[in-house]
Amino acid sequence: MENTKVRRKRSKFGKFIDQFGIKQTWVASISGLSEGRISQLAKDQAEVPNLKSAARIIKSLRRKGYDVDLEDFWKL
């Protein structure tokens, strides 16, 4: 049997967390957003958080040592 991976459609944010092995549950817990919301943002590039939510995600990732900006993931 051929070993094929099913590729999920991912947003820039989703690709980032996948690349660094960051769990969506971890992002949710440090940012204070729901796991469902983080999942939506990781799946769909058209899904854009409000400014407050985006800032919470970015601030949380920076606090953990990731050099990221809002514009890396979303056009707000």
PDB file of N, CA and C in Angstrom:
ATOM      1  N   MET A   1       0.846  -1.179   0.000  1.00  0.00           N
ATOM      2  CA  MET A   1       0.000   0.000   0.000  1.00  0.00           C
ATOM      3  C   MET A   1       0.893   1.244   0.000  1.00  0.00           C
ATOM      4  N   GLU A   2       0.492   2.211  -0.753  1.00  0.00           N
ATOM      5  CA  GLU A   2       1.249   3.453  -0.900  1.00  0.00           C
ATOM      6  C   GLU A   2       1.037   4.351   0.314  1.00  0.00           C
ATOM      7  N   ASN A   3       2.117   4.923   0.811  1.00  0.00           N
ATOM      8  CA  ASN A   3       2.045   5.817   1.963  1.00  0.00           C
ATOM      9  C   ASN A   3       1.795   7.236   1.472  1.00  0.00           C
ATOM     10  N   THR A   4       0.559   7.687   1.568  1.00  0.00           N
ATOM     11  CA  THR A   4       0.221   9.043   1.143  1.00  0.00           C
ATOM     12  C   THR A   4      -0.362   9.805   2.318  1.00  0.00           C
ATOM     13  N   LYS A   5       0.027  11.050   2.410  1.00  0.00           N
ATOM     14  CA  LYS A   5      -0.509  11.919   3.453  1.00  0.00           C
ATOM     15  C   LYS A   5      -1.645  12.739   2.875  1.00  0.00           C
ATOM     16  N   VAL A   6      -2.679  12.878   3.642  1.00  0.00           N
ATOM     17  CA  VAL A   6      -3.764  13.775   3.265  1.00  0.00           C
ATOM     18  C   VAL A   6      -3.355  15.151   3.754  1.00  0.00           C
ATOM     19  N   ARG A   7      -3.239  16.088   2.832  1.00  0.00           N
ATOM     20  CA  ARG A   7      -2.809  17.443   3.181  1.00  0.00           C
ATOM     21  C   ARG A   7      -4.015  18.275   3.564  1.00  0.00           C
ATOM     22  N   ARG A   8      -3.951  18.850   4.745  1.00  0.00           N
ATOM     23  CA  ARG A   8      -5.006  19.745   5.196  1.00  0.00           C
ATOM     24  C   ARG A   8      -4.756  21.122   4.605  1.00  0.00           C
ATOM     25  N   LYS A   9      -5.834  21.798   4.290  1.00  0.00           N
ATOM     26  CA  LYS A   9      -5.701  23.179   3.860  1.00  0.00           C
ATOM     27  C   LYS A   9      -5.432  24.007   5.113  1.00  0.00           C
ATOM     28  N   ARG A  10      -4.360  24.772   5.095  1.00  0.00           N
ATOM     29  CA  ARG A  10      -3.958  25.522   6.265  1.00  0.00           C
ATOM     30  C   ARG A  10      -3.743  26.991   5.927  1.00  0.00           C
ATOM     31  N   SER A  11      -4.026  27.826   6.887  1.00  0.00           N
ATOM     32  CA  SER A  11      -3.753  29.258   6.759  1.00  0.00           C
ATOM     33  C   SER A  11      -2.268  29.482   7.043  1.00  0.00           C
ATOM     34  N   LYS A  12      -1.815  30.718   6.889  1.00  0.00           N
ATOM     35  CA  LYS A  12      -0.423  31.042   7.236  1.00  0.00           C
ATOM     36  C   LYS A  12      -0.168  30.752   8.717  1.00  0.00           C
ATOM     37  N   PHE A  13      -1.147  31.084   9.547  1.00  0.00           N
ATOM     38  CA  PHE A  13      -1.033  30.802  10.977  1.00  0.00           C
ATOM     39  C   PHE A  13      -0.946  29.294  11.220  1.00  0.00           C
ATOM     40  N   GLY A  14      -1.791  28.529  10.549  1.00  0.00           N
ATOM     41  CA  GLY A  14      -1.773  27.072  10.690  1.00  0.00           C
ATOM     42  C   GLY A  14      -0.453  26.463  10.244  1.00  0.00           C
ATOM     43  N   LYS A  15       0.078  26.962   9.134  1.00  0.00           N
ATOM     44  CA  LYS A  15       1.372  26.472   8.648  1.00  0.00           C
ATOM     45  C   LYS A  15       2.479  26.790   9.634  1.00  0.00           C
ATOM     46  N   PHE A  16       2.416  27.961  10.262  1.00  0.00           N
ATOM     47  CA  PHE A  16       3.420  28.349  11.258  1.00  0.00           C
ATOM     48  C   PHE A  16       3.396  27.396  12.446  1.00  0.00           C
ATOM     49  N   ILE A  17       2.231  27.152  13.010  1.00  0.00           N
ATOM     50  CA  ILE A  17       2.186  26.286  14.190  1.00  0.00           C
ATOM     51  C   ILE A  17       2.553  24.848  13.829  1.00  0.00           C
ATOM     52  N   ASP A  18       2.218  24.425  12.626  1.00  0.00           N
ATOM     53  CA  ASP A  18       2.629  23.088  12.177  1.00  0.00           C
ATOM     54  C   ASP A  18       4.150  23.006  12.044  1.00  0.00           C
ATOM     55  N   GLN A  19       4.751  24.012  11.448  1.00  0.00           N
ATOM     56  CA  GLN A  19       6.192  24.042  11.209  1.00  0.00           C
ATOM     57  C   GLN A  19       6.981  23.942  12.511  1.00  0.00           C
ATOM     58  N   PHE A  20       6.495  24.596  13.555  1.00  0.00           N
ATOM     59  CA  PHE A  20       7.205  24.624  14.827  1.00  0.00           C
ATOM     60  C   PHE A  20       6.675  23.590  15.826  1.00  0.00           C
ATOM     61  N   GLY A  21       5.736  22.764  15.382  1.00  0.00           N
ATOM     62  CA  GLY A  21       5.208  21.721  16.254  1.00  0.00           C
ATOM     63  C   GLY A  21       4.410  22.249  17.431  1.00  0.00           C
ATOM     64  N   ILE A  22       3.776  23.385  17.231  1.00  0.00           N
ATOM     65  CA  ILE A  22       2.987  24.008  18.298  1.00  0.00           C
ATOM     66  C   ILE A  22       1.573  23.437  18.250  1.00  0.00           C
ATOM     67  N   LYS A  23       1.085  23.013  19.383  1.00  0.00           N
ATOM     68  CA  LYS A  23      -0.270  22.460  19.474  1.00  0.00           C
ATOM     69  C   LYS A  23      -1.305  23.574  19.559  1.00  0.00           C
ATOM     70  N   GLN A  24      -2.420  23.385  18.878  1.00  0.00           N
ATOM     71  CA  GLN A  24      -3.498  24.370  18.925  1.00  0.00           C
ATOM     72  C   GLN A  24      -4.010  24.545  20.352  1.00  0.00           C
ATOM     73  N   THR A  25      -4.050  23.463  21.111  1.00  0.00           N
ATOM     74  CA  THR A  25      -4.520  23.543  22.499  1.00  0.00           C
ATOM     75  C   THR A  25      -3.596  24.426  23.334  1.00  0.00           C
ATOM     76  N   TRP A  26      -2.286  24.366  23.036  1.00  0.00           N
ATOM     77  CA  TRP A  26      -1.317  25.193  23.755  1.00  0.00           C
ATOM     78  C   TRP A  26      -1.556  26.669  23.430  1.00  0.00           C
ATOM     79  N   VAL A  27      -1.753  26.982  22.148  1.00  0.00           N
ATOM     80  CA  VAL A  27      -2.016  28.378  21.747  1.00  0.00           C
ATOM     81  C   VAL A  27      -3.291  28.874  22.423  1.00  0.00           C
ATOM     82  N   ALA A  28      -4.299  28.031  22.459  1.00  0.00           N
ATOM     83  CA  ALA A  28      -5.561  28.422  23.099  1.00  0.00           C
ATOM     84  C   ALA A  28      -5.346  28.719  24.581  1.00  0.00           C
ATOM     85  N   SER A  29      -4.601  27.873  25.254  1.00  0.00           N
ATOM     86  CA  SER A  29      -4.422  28.059  26.696  1.00  0.00           C
ATOM     87  C   SER A  29      -3.594  29.305  27.018  1.00  0.00           C
ATOM     88  N   ILE A  30      -2.564  29.602  26.233  1.00  0.00           N
ATOM     89  CA  ILE A  30      -1.739  30.777  26.552  1.00  0.00           C
ATOM     90  C   ILE A  30      -2.366  32.086  26.088  1.00  0.00           C
ATOM     91  N   SER A  31      -3.232  32.010  25.069  1.00  0.00           N
ATOM     92  CA  SER A  31      -3.842  33.240  24.556  1.00  0.00           C
ATOM     93  C   SER A  31      -5.188  33.545  25.200  1.00  0.00           C
ATOM     94  N   GLY A  32      -5.806  32.525  25.802  1.00  0.00           N
ATOM     95  CA  GLY A  32      -7.116  32.729  26.407  1.00  0.00           C
ATOM     96  C   GLY A  32      -8.266  32.605  25.427  1.00  0.00           C
ATOM     97  N   LEU A  33      -7.966  32.217  24.184  1.00  0.00           N
ATOM     98  CA  LEU A  33      -9.020  31.999  23.186  1.00  0.00           C
ATOM     99  C   LEU A  33      -9.459  30.542  23.220  1.00  0.00           C
ATOM    100  N   SER A  34     -10.620  30.256  22.654  1.00  0.00           N
ATOM    101  CA  SER A  34     -11.102  28.877  22.658  1.00  0.00           C
ATOM    102  C   SER A  34     -10.333  28.021  21.649  1.00  0.00           C
ATOM    103  N   GLU A  35     -10.288  26.726  21.921  1.00  0.00           N
ATOM    104  CA  GLU A  35      -9.632  25.798  20.998  1.00  0.00           C
ATOM    105  C   GLU A  35     -10.325  25.814  19.638  1.00  0.00           C
ATOM    106  N   GLY A  36     -11.636  25.957  19.640  1.00  0.00           N
ATOM    107  CA  GLY A  36     -12.387  26.007  18.389  1.00  0.00           C
ATOM    108  C   GLY A  36     -12.000  27.203  17.529  1.00  0.00           C
ATOM    109  N   ARG A  37     -11.806  28.336  18.185  1.00  0.00           N
ATOM    110  CA  ARG A  37     -11.420  29.556  17.454  1.00  0.00           C
ATOM    111  C   ARG A  37     -10.016  29.415  16.877  1.00  0.00           C
ATOM    112  N   ILE A  38      -9.091  28.880  17.660  1.00  0.00           N
ATOM    113  CA  ILE A  38      -7.733  28.664  17.173  1.00  0.00           C
ATOM    114  C   ILE A  38      -7.761  27.697  15.987  1.00  0.00           C
ATOM    115  N   SER A  39      -8.577  26.665  16.071  1.00  0.00           N
ATOM    116  CA  SER A  39      -8.708  25.697  14.982  1.00  0.00           C
ATOM    117  C   SER A  39      -9.219  26.363  13.710  1.00  0.00           C
ATOM    118  N   GLN A  40     -10.222  27.223  13.834  1.00  0.00           N
ATOM    119  CA  GLN A  40     -10.749  27.948  12.676  1.00  0.00           C
ATOM    120  C   GLN A  40      -9.670  28.811  12.031  1.00  0.00           C
ATOM    121  N   LEU A  41      -8.912  29.501  12.850  1.00  0.00           N
ATOM    122  CA  LEU A  41      -7.872  30.396  12.340  1.00  0.00           C
ATOM    123  C   LEU A  41      -6.733  29.617  11.675  1.00  0.00           C
ATOM    124  N   ALA A  42      -6.484  28.401  12.134  1.00  0.00           N
ATOM    125  CA  ALA A  42      -5.420  27.583  11.560  1.00  0.00           C
ATOM    126  C   ALA A  42      -5.845  26.935  10.246  1.00  0.00           C
ATOM    127  N   LYS A  43      -7.132  26.722  10.067  1.00  0.00           N
ATOM    128  CA  LYS A  43      -7.638  26.022   8.884  1.00  0.00           C
ATOM    129  C   LYS A  43      -7.839  26.911   7.668  1.00  0.00           C
ATOM    130  N   ASP A  44      -8.410  28.060   7.875  1.00  0.00           N
ATOM    131  CA  ASP A  44      -8.945  28.841   6.762  1.00  0.00           C
ATOM    132  C   ASP A  44      -8.293  30.215   6.670  1.00  0.00           C
ATOM    133  N   GLN A  45      -7.609  30.478   5.569  1.00  0.00           N
ATOM    134  CA  GLN A  45      -6.955  31.776   5.374  1.00  0.00           C
ATOM    135  C   GLN A  45      -7.966  32.915   5.337  1.00  0.00           C
ATOM    136  N   ALA A  46      -9.190  32.629   4.914  1.00  0.00           N
ATOM    137  CA  ALA A  46     -10.210  33.674   4.839  1.00  0.00           C
ATOM    138  C   ALA A  46     -10.718  34.061   6.227  1.00  0.00           C
ATOM    139  N   GLU A  47     -10.479  33.205   7.219  1.00  0.00           N
ATOM    140  CA  GLU A  47     -10.912  33.476   8.589  1.00  0.00           C
ATOM    141  C   GLU A  47      -9.934  34.461   9.224  1.00  0.00           C
ATOM    142  N   VAL A  48     -10.439  35.611   9.614  1.00  0.00           N
ATOM    143  CA  VAL A  48      -9.582  36.661  10.174  1.00  0.00           C
ATOM    144  C   VAL A  48     -10.086  36.997  11.574  1.00  0.00           C
ATOM    145  N   PRO A  49      -9.184  36.985  12.564  1.00  0.00           N
ATOM    146  CA  PRO A  49      -9.617  37.328  13.921  1.00  0.00           C
ATOM    147  C   PRO A  49      -9.800  38.833  14.063  1.00  0.00           C
ATOM    148  N   ASN A  50     -10.538  39.228  15.099  1.00  0.00           N
ATOM    149  CA  ASN A  50     -10.601  40.657  15.367  1.00  0.00           C
ATOM    150  C   ASN A  50      -9.239  41.085  15.917  1.00  0.00           C
ATOM    151  N   LEU A  51      -8.997  42.359  15.967  1.00  0.00           N
ATOM    152  CA  LEU A  51      -7.687  42.877  16.350  1.00  0.00           C
ATOM    153  C   LEU A  51      -7.286  42.439  17.762  1.00  0.00           C
ATOM    154  N   LYS A  52      -8.235  42.435  18.684  1.00  0.00           N
ATOM    155  CA  LYS A  52      -7.932  42.058  20.063  1.00  0.00           C
ATOM    156  C   LYS A  52      -7.486  40.592  20.140  1.00  0.00           C
ATOM    157  N   SER A  53      -8.183  39.708  19.458  1.00  0.00           N
ATOM    158  CA  SER A  53      -7.824  38.282  19.476  1.00  0.00           C
ATOM    159  C   SER A  53      -6.478  38.044  18.809  1.00  0.00           C
ATOM    160  N   ALA A  54      -6.255  38.696  17.671  1.00  0.00           N
ATOM    161  CA  ALA A  54      -4.975  38.547  16.961  1.00  0.00           C
ATOM    162  C   ALA A  54      -3.830  39.027  17.844  1.00  0.00           C
ATOM    163  N   ALA A  55      -4.029  40.150  18.523  1.00  0.00           N
ATOM    164  CA  ALA A  55      -2.994  40.690  19.397  1.00  0.00           C
ATOM    165  C   ALA A  55      -2.695  39.742  20.555  1.00  0.00           C
ATOM    166  N   ARG A  56      -3.719  39.081  21.087  1.00  0.00           N
ATOM    167  CA  ARG A  56      -3.510  38.122  22.177  1.00  0.00           C
ATOM    168  C   ARG A  56      -2.685  36.930  21.711  1.00  0.00           C
ATOM    169  N   ILE A  57      -2.950  36.454  20.502  1.00  0.00           N
ATOM    170  CA  ILE A  57      -2.179  35.330  19.958  1.00  0.00           C
ATOM    171  C   ILE A  57      -0.725  35.744  19.757  1.00  0.00           C
ATOM    172  N   ILE A  58      -0.520  36.882  19.108  1.00  0.00           N
ATOM    173  CA  ILE A  58       0.838  37.358  18.824  1.00  0.00           C
ATOM    174  C   ILE A  58       1.603  37.612  20.117  1.00  0.00           C
ATOM    175  N   LYS A  59       0.978  38.270  21.082  1.00  0.00           N
ATOM    176  CA  LYS A  59       1.627  38.560  22.357  1.00  0.00           C
ATOM    177  C   LYS A  59       2.023  37.265  23.070  1.00  0.00           C
ATOM    178  N   SER A  60       1.155  36.282  23.039  1.00  0.00           N
ATOM    179  CA  SER A  60       1.439  35.002  23.689  1.00  0.00           C
ATOM    180  C   SER A  60       2.599  34.278  23.010  1.00  0.00           C
ATOM    181  N   LEU A  61       2.614  34.277  21.688  1.00  0.00           N
ATOM    182  CA  LEU A  61       3.709  33.627  20.960  1.00  0.00           C
ATOM    183  C   LEU A  61       5.033  34.345  21.197  1.00  0.00           C
ATOM    184  N   ARG A  62       5.004  35.655  21.228  1.00  0.00           N
ATOM    185  CA  ARG A  62       6.232  36.431  21.489  1.00  0.00           C
ATOM    186  C   ARG A  62       6.769  36.146  22.890  1.00  0.00           C
ATOM    187  N   ARG A  63       5.866  36.041  23.847  1.00  0.00           N
ATOM    188  CA  ARG A  63       6.264  35.761  25.219  1.00  0.00           C
ATOM    189  C   ARG A  63       7.004  34.425  25.318  1.00  0.00           C
ATOM    190  N   LYS A  64       6.688  33.518  24.420  1.00  0.00           N
ATOM    191  CA  LYS A  64       7.330  32.202  24.393  1.00  0.00           C
ATOM    192  C   LYS A  64       8.541  32.171  23.468  1.00  0.00           C
ATOM    193  N   GLY A  65       8.932  33.328  22.926  1.00  0.00           N
ATOM    194  CA  GLY A  65      10.173  33.413  22.167  1.00  0.00           C
ATOM    195  C   GLY A  65      10.038  33.376  20.654  1.00  0.00           C
ATOM    196  N   TYR A  66       8.826  33.365  20.128  1.00  0.00           N
ATOM    197  CA  TYR A  66       8.631  33.358  18.677  1.00  0.00           C
ATOM    198  C   TYR A  66       8.600  34.799  18.162  1.00  0.00           C
ATOM    199  N   ASP A  67       9.368  35.074  17.124  1.00  0.00           N
ATOM    200  CA  ASP A  67       9.453  36.409  16.541  1.00  0.00           C
ATOM    201  C   ASP A  67       8.394  36.532  15.440  1.00  0.00           C
ATOM    202  N   VAL A  68       7.191  36.941  15.820  1.00  0.00           N
ATOM    203  CA  VAL A  68       6.073  37.021  14.879  1.00  0.00           C
ATOM    204  C   VAL A  68       5.403  38.383  14.963  1.00  0.00           C
ATOM    205  N   ASP A  69       4.729  38.764  13.890  1.00  0.00           N
ATOM    206  CA  ASP A  69       3.929  39.982  13.812  1.00  0.00           C
ATOM    207  C   ASP A  69       2.562  39.642  13.248  1.00  0.00           C
ATOM    208  N   LEU A  70       1.605  40.517  13.479  1.00  0.00           N
ATOM    209  CA  LEU A  70       0.250  40.309  12.945  1.00  0.00           C
ATOM    210  C   LEU A  70       0.270  40.081  11.443  1.00  0.00           C
ATOM    211  N   GLU A  71       1.082  40.873  10.751  1.00  0.00           N
ATOM    212  CA  GLU A  71       1.106  40.812   9.289  1.00  0.00           C
ATOM    213  C   GLU A  71       1.674  39.489   8.756  1.00  0.00           C
ATOM    214  N   ASP A  72       2.354  38.736   9.622  1.00  0.00           N
ATOM    215  CA  ASP A  72       2.857  37.423   9.208  1.00  0.00           C
ATOM    216  C   ASP A  72       1.714  36.462   8.909  1.00  0.00           C
ATOM    217  N   PHE A  73       0.569  36.680   9.560  1.00  0.00           N
ATOM    218  CA  PHE A  73      -0.548  35.749   9.427  1.00  0.00           C
ATOM    219  C   PHE A  73      -1.803  36.345   8.801  1.00  0.00           C
ATOM    220  N   TRP A  74      -2.104  37.609   9.131  1.00  0.00           N
ATOM    221  CA  TRP A  74      -3.375  38.196   8.713  1.00  0.00           C
ATOM    222  C   TRP A  74      -3.206  39.615   8.204  1.00  0.00           C
ATOM    223  N   LYS A  75      -4.088  39.996   7.308  1.00  0.00           N
ATOM    224  CA  LYS A  75      -4.178  41.392   6.849  1.00  0.00           C
ATOM    225  C   LYS A  75      -5.361  42.004   7.566  1.00  0.00           C
ATOM    226  N   LEU A  76      -5.060  42.826   8.566  1.00  0.00           N
ATOM    227  CA  LEU A  76      -6.150  43.417   9.365  1.00  0.00           C
ATOM    228  C   LEU A  76      -6.394  44.853   8.980  1.00  0.00           C
TER     229      LEU A  76
END
